[in-house]
């Protein structure tokens, strides 16, 4: 367990791939953990304006649908 004095936030991105020049973000998730152990989770799906490759869907489970 973390011994927190202040809240801390963890950010996770899911993308269409790993190429910084061509791939896009499809999900942003933030988990905020407070010193008392409580958590707040925010999750936002984003339309990448391009098809999500099957290999990426196999990893994060997010599809074009």
Protein backbone atom coordinates (compact mmCIF):
# COMPACT_ATOMS: atom_id res chain seq x y z
CA UNK A 1 0.00 0.00 0.00
CA UNK A 2 1.16 3.53 -0.74
CA UNK A 3 1.84 5.88 2.19
CA UNK A 4 0.44 9.02 0.55
CA UNK A 5 0.51 12.54 1.95
CA UNK A 6 -1.32 13.97 -1.07
CA UNK A 7 -3.50 12.44 -3.81
CA UNK A 8 -1.72 10.87 -6.77
CA UNK A 9 -3.10 10.25 -10.27
CA UNK A 10 -2.17 7.47 -12.68
CA UNK A 11 -2.84 8.01 -16.39
CA UNK A 12 -3.24 5.22 -18.95
CA UNK A 13 -3.60 5.62 -22.71
CA UNK A 14 -4.85 3.02 -25.17
CA UNK A 15 -3.97 3.64 -28.80
CA UNK A 16 -4.33 2.30 -32.33
CA UNK A 17 -0.64 1.28 -32.25
CA UNK A 18 2.83 2.36 -31.16
CA UNK A 19 3.88 4.69 -33.99
CA UNK A 20 3.90 8.25 -32.58
CA UNK A 21 3.61 9.76 -36.07
CA UNK A 22 0.55 7.89 -37.30
CA UNK A 23 -1.32 6.20 -34.45
CA UNK A 24 -4.03 7.78 -32.34
CA UNK A 25 -5.41 7.61 -28.81
CA UNK A 26 -8.65 5.60 -28.41
CA UNK A 27 -9.03 5.75 -24.60
CA UNK A 28 -7.77 7.85 -21.72
CA UNK A 29 -8.18 6.54 -18.17
CA UNK A 30 -7.19 8.31 -14.95
CA UNK A 31 -7.18 6.75 -11.49
CA UNK A 32 -6.82 9.19 -8.59
CA UNK A 33 -5.82 7.62 -5.27
CA UNK A 34 -6.27 9.69 -2.10
CA UNK A 35 -4.29 9.35 1.14
CA UNK A 36 -7.31 7.64 2.77
CA UNK A 37 -7.16 4.91 0.10
CA UNK A 38 -10.25 5.99 -1.80
CA UNK A 39 -10.12 5.96 -5.60
CA UNK A 40 -11.78 7.94 -8.36
CA UNK A 41 -11.73 6.51 -11.88
CA UNK A 42 -12.43 8.50 -15.05
CA UNK A 43 -12.49 6.83 -18.46
CA UNK A 44 -13.09 8.43 -21.84
CA UNK A 45 -13.28 6.69 -25.22
CA UNK A 46 -12.08 8.80 -28.15
CA UNK A 47 -12.86 8.36 -31.83
CA UNK A 48 -9.41 7.98 -33.41
CA UNK A 49 -10.78 8.93 -36.87
CA UNK A 50 -9.10 5.81 -38.28
CA UNK A 51 -9.75 2.04 -38.10
CA UNK A 52 -8.44 0.29 -34.99
CA UNK A 53 -6.13 -2.55 -36.11
CA UNK A 54 -6.98 -6.09 -34.94
CA UNK A 55 -3.60 -6.36 -33.19
CA UNK A 56 -4.42 -3.33 -31.04
CA UNK A 57 -7.95 -4.59 -30.33
CA UNK A 58 -6.44 -7.93 -29.26
CA UNK A 59 -4.42 -6.04 -26.61
CA UNK A 60 -6.92 -3.51 -25.22
CA UNK A 61 -10.27 -4.93 -26.37
CA UNK A 62 -11.52 -1.68 -27.93
CA UNK A 63 -13.11 -2.09 -31.37
CA UNK A 64 -14.33 0.28 -34.08
CA UNK A 65 -17.90 -0.44 -33.01
